Amino acid sequence: MGRLSGMRYREVVRRLRTFGFEFDRPGPGSHEVWRHRETGRKVTLPHHARDMAEGTLRAILREAGIDVEAFLNA
């Protein structure tokens, strides 16, 4: 188990908001598109009740340009 495992959707959203991301629009299926208000970067988040997979969260952070350490300390 890595440091990013076991995070829920709400926790990920709370931390993304601290980095300037806002809900943009619904995505395909049970996903949402979030956009950074200044840079315009987009990330797609799965909106599920279960924990987010660590690999999925790492890919989201890579898309967003957020360091894992900074995300964990937010």
N, C-alpha and C. Protein backbone atom coordinates (compact mmCIF):
# COMPACT_ATOMS: atom_id res chain seq x y z
N MET A 1 0.84 -1.19 0.00
CA MET A 1 0.00 0.00 0.00
C MET A 1 0.87 1.24 0.00
N GLY A 2 0.59 2.14 -0.92
CA GLY A 2 1.35 3.38 -1.00
C GLY A 2 0.72 4.48 -0.17
N ARG A 3 1.37 5.61 -0.21
CA ARG A 3 0.90 6.74 0.59
C ARG A 3 -0.40 7.33 0.07
N LEU A 4 -0.68 7.14 -1.20
CA LEU A 4 -1.89 7.72 -1.79
C LEU A 4 -3.09 6.78 -1.73
N SER A 5 -2.89 5.55 -1.31
CA SER A 5 -4.00 4.60 -1.30
C SER A 5 -4.98 4.93 -0.18
N GLY A 6 -6.23 4.58 -0.41
CA GLY A 6 -7.26 4.77 0.61
C GLY A 6 -7.90 6.14 0.62
N MET A 7 -7.63 6.98 -0.38
CA MET A 7 -8.25 8.31 -0.41
C MET A 7 -9.61 8.23 -1.09
N ARG A 8 -10.54 8.93 -0.53
CA ARG A 8 -11.89 9.00 -1.07
C ARG A 8 -12.03 10.22 -1.98
N TYR A 9 -13.09 10.21 -2.77
CA TYR A 9 -13.38 11.30 -3.71
C TYR A 9 -13.40 12.65 -3.01
N ARG A 10 -14.09 12.75 -1.88
CA ARG A 10 -14.23 14.04 -1.19
C ARG A 10 -12.89 14.60 -0.73
N GLU A 11 -12.02 13.72 -0.25
CA GLU A 11 -10.70 14.16 0.20
C GLU A 11 -9.86 14.65 -0.97
N VAL A 12 -9.93 13.96 -2.09
CA VAL A 12 -9.19 14.38 -3.29
C VAL A 12 -9.69 15.73 -3.76
N VAL A 13 -11.01 15.91 -3.79
CA VAL A 13 -11.60 17.19 -4.23
C VAL A 13 -11.18 18.32 -3.29
N ARG A 14 -11.21 18.08 -1.99
CA ARG A 14 -10.83 19.11 -1.03
C ARG A 14 -9.39 19.57 -1.28
N ARG A 15 -8.52 18.62 -1.53
CA ARG A 15 -7.12 18.97 -1.75
C ARG A 15 -6.91 19.63 -3.11
N LEU A 16 -7.63 19.19 -4.14
CA LEU A 16 -7.50 19.83 -5.45
C LEU A 16 -7.95 21.28 -5.40
N ARG A 17 -8.99 21.56 -4.61
CA ARG A 17 -9.47 22.94 -4.48
C ARG A 17 -8.40 23.84 -3.88
N THR A 18 -7.58 23.31 -2.97
CA THR A 18 -6.52 24.13 -2.38
C THR A 18 -5.47 24.52 -3.42
N PHE A 19 -5.39 23.74 -4.52
CA PHE A 19 -4.44 24.05 -5.58
C PHE A 19 -5.08 24.88 -6.69
N GLY A 20 -6.33 25.28 -6.53
CA GLY A 20 -6.97 26.18 -7.49
C GLY A 20 -7.85 25.50 -8.52
N PHE A 21 -8.18 24.24 -8.34
CA PHE A 21 -9.06 23.56 -9.29
C PHE A 21 -10.51 23.74 -8.89
N GLU A 22 -11.38 23.86 -9.91
CA GLU A 22 -12.81 24.03 -9.70
C GLU A 22 -13.56 23.07 -10.61
N PHE A 23 -14.77 22.68 -10.17
CA PHE A 23 -15.61 21.82 -11.00
C PHE A 23 -15.93 22.56 -12.29
N ASP A 24 -15.75 21.87 -13.42
CA ASP A 24 -16.03 22.49 -14.72
C ASP A 24 -17.32 21.94 -15.32
N ARG A 25 -17.40 20.60 -15.41
CA ARG A 25 -18.58 20.00 -16.03
C ARG A 25 -18.61 18.51 -15.74
N PRO A 26 -19.77 17.88 -15.93
CA PRO A 26 -19.81 16.42 -15.81
C PRO A 26 -19.03 15.80 -16.95
N GLY A 27 -18.43 14.68 -16.69
CA GLY A 27 -17.70 13.96 -17.72
C GLY A 27 -18.48 12.74 -18.15
N PRO A 28 -17.83 11.84 -18.87
CA PRO A 28 -18.53 10.64 -19.31
C PRO A 28 -18.80 9.69 -18.15
N GLY A 29 -19.99 9.15 -18.10
CA GLY A 29 -20.35 8.20 -17.04
C GLY A 29 -20.34 8.85 -15.68
N SER A 30 -19.65 8.24 -14.74
CA SER A 30 -19.60 8.76 -13.37
C SER A 30 -18.30 9.51 -13.13
N HIS A 31 -17.92 10.35 -14.07
CA HIS A 31 -16.70 11.15 -13.96
C HIS A 31 -17.03 12.63 -14.01
N GLU A 32 -16.09 13.44 -13.55
CA GLU A 32 -16.23 14.89 -13.57
C GLU A 32 -14.96 15.51 -14.12
N VAL A 33 -15.11 16.64 -14.80
CA VAL A 33 -13.96 17.37 -15.31
C VAL A 33 -13.75 18.58 -14.42
N TRP A 34 -12.54 18.71 -13.90
CA TRP A 34 -12.16 19.83 -13.05
C TRP A 34 -11.10 20.64 -13.78
N ARG A 35 -11.17 21.97 -13.67
CA ARG A 35 -10.26 22.85 -14.40
C ARG A 35 -9.60 23.82 -13.42
N HIS A 36 -8.32 24.10 -13.68
CA HIS A 36 -7.60 25.08 -12.86
C HIS A 36 -8.02 26.47 -13.32
N ARG A 37 -8.36 27.33 -12.38
CA ARG A 37 -8.93 28.63 -12.74
C ARG A 37 -7.95 29.57 -13.42
N GLU A 38 -6.64 29.39 -13.21
CA GLU A 38 -5.66 30.29 -13.82
C GLU A 38 -4.98 29.68 -15.05
N THR A 39 -4.54 28.44 -14.93
CA THR A 39 -3.79 27.82 -16.02
C THR A 39 -4.67 27.14 -17.05
N GLY A 40 -5.90 26.78 -16.68
CA GLY A 40 -6.80 26.10 -17.60
C GLY A 40 -6.55 24.61 -17.70
N ARG A 41 -5.63 24.07 -16.91
CA ARG A 41 -5.37 22.62 -16.92
C ARG A 41 -6.63 21.87 -16.52
N LYS A 42 -6.85 20.72 -17.17
CA LYS A 42 -8.02 19.92 -16.88
C LYS A 42 -7.60 18.56 -16.32
N VAL A 43 -8.40 18.06 -15.39
CA VAL A 43 -8.26 16.69 -14.90
C VAL A 43 -9.64 16.06 -14.85
N THR A 44 -9.68 14.76 -15.06
CA THR A 44 -10.93 14.02 -14.99
C THR A 44 -10.90 13.15 -13.75
N LEU A 45 -11.91 13.34 -12.89
CA LEU A 45 -11.99 12.59 -11.64
C LEU A 45 -13.12 11.58 -11.69
N PRO A 46 -12.86 10.34 -11.28
CA PRO A 46 -13.96 9.40 -11.13
C PRO A 46 -14.73 9.72 -9.86
N HIS A 47 -16.04 9.75 -9.94
CA HIS A 47 -16.87 10.05 -8.77
C HIS A 47 -17.53 8.75 -8.32
N HIS A 48 -16.79 8.00 -7.49
CA HIS A 48 -17.25 6.70 -7.00
C HIS A 48 -17.30 6.74 -5.48
N ALA A 49 -18.05 5.82 -4.90
CA ALA A 49 -18.17 5.75 -3.44
C ALA A 49 -16.96 5.07 -2.81
N ARG A 50 -16.27 4.23 -3.57
CA ARG A 50 -15.15 3.49 -3.00
C ARG A 50 -13.86 4.32 -3.05
N ASP A 51 -12.81 3.78 -2.43
CA ASP A 51 -11.51 4.44 -2.44
C ASP A 51 -10.99 4.55 -3.86
N MET A 52 -10.26 5.63 -4.13
CA MET A 52 -9.66 5.84 -5.43
C MET A 52 -8.38 5.01 -5.52
N ALA A 53 -8.18 4.36 -6.62
CA ALA A 53 -6.98 3.55 -6.81
C ALA A 53 -5.75 4.45 -6.83
N GLU A 54 -4.67 3.97 -6.25
CA GLU A 54 -3.45 4.77 -6.15
C GLU A 54 -2.91 5.16 -7.52
N GLY A 55 -2.94 4.24 -8.47
CA GLY A 55 -2.46 4.55 -9.82
C GLY A 55 -3.30 5.62 -10.50
N THR A 56 -4.61 5.56 -10.28
CA THR A 56 -5.50 6.57 -10.84
C THR A 56 -5.20 7.94 -10.25
N LEU A 57 -5.00 7.99 -8.94
CA LEU A 57 -4.72 9.26 -8.28
C LEU A 57 -3.37 9.82 -8.73
N ARG A 58 -2.38 8.96 -8.90
CA ARG A 58 -1.07 9.41 -9.39
C ARG A 58 -1.19 10.00 -10.80
N ALA A 59 -2.01 9.37 -11.65
CA ALA A 59 -2.22 9.88 -13.01
C ALA A 59 -2.93 11.23 -12.98
N ILE A 60 -3.88 11.40 -12.07
CA ILE A 60 -4.59 12.68 -11.93
C ILE A 60 -3.62 13.77 -11.50
N LEU A 61 -2.77 13.46 -10.54
CA LEU A 61 -1.80 14.45 -10.06
C LEU A 61 -0.79 14.80 -11.16
N ARG A 62 -0.39 13.82 -11.95
CA ARG A 62 0.53 14.08 -13.05
C ARG A 62 -0.12 15.01 -14.07
N GLU A 63 -1.39 14.76 -14.40
CA GLU A 63 -2.14 15.62 -15.31
C GLU A 63 -2.26 17.04 -14.77
N ALA A 64 -2.46 17.14 -13.46
CA ALA A 64 -2.67 18.44 -12.83
C ALA A 64 -1.36 19.18 -12.61
N GLY A 65 -0.24 18.47 -12.68
CA GLY A 65 1.05 19.10 -12.44
C GLY A 65 1.30 19.33 -10.96
N ILE A 66 0.79 18.45 -10.12
CA ILE A 66 0.92 18.59 -8.66
C ILE A 66 1.86 17.51 -8.15
N ASP A 67 2.83 17.91 -7.34
CA ASP A 67 3.76 16.98 -6.71
C ASP A 67 3.03 16.17 -5.64
N VAL A 68 3.37 14.89 -5.52
CA VAL A 68 2.72 14.01 -4.56
C VAL A 68 2.90 14.52 -3.13
N GLU A 69 4.11 14.95 -2.80
CA GLU A 69 4.36 15.47 -1.45
C GLU A 69 3.52 16.70 -1.15
N ALA A 70 3.44 17.61 -2.11
CA ALA A 70 2.62 18.82 -1.93
C ALA A 70 1.16 18.45 -1.75
N PHE A 71 0.69 17.47 -2.51
CA PHE A 71 -0.70 17.03 -2.41
C PHE A 71 -0.98 16.44 -1.04
N LEU A 72 -0.08 15.62 -0.55
CA LEU A 72 -0.28 15.00 0.76
C LEU A 72 -0.22 16.01 1.91
N ASN A 73 0.53 17.09 1.72
CA ASN A 73 0.64 18.11 2.77
C ASN A 73 -0.43 19.18 2.68
N ALA A 74 -1.26 19.14 1.63
CA ALA A 74 -2.31 20.17 1.46
C ALA A 74 -3.45 19.95 2.44
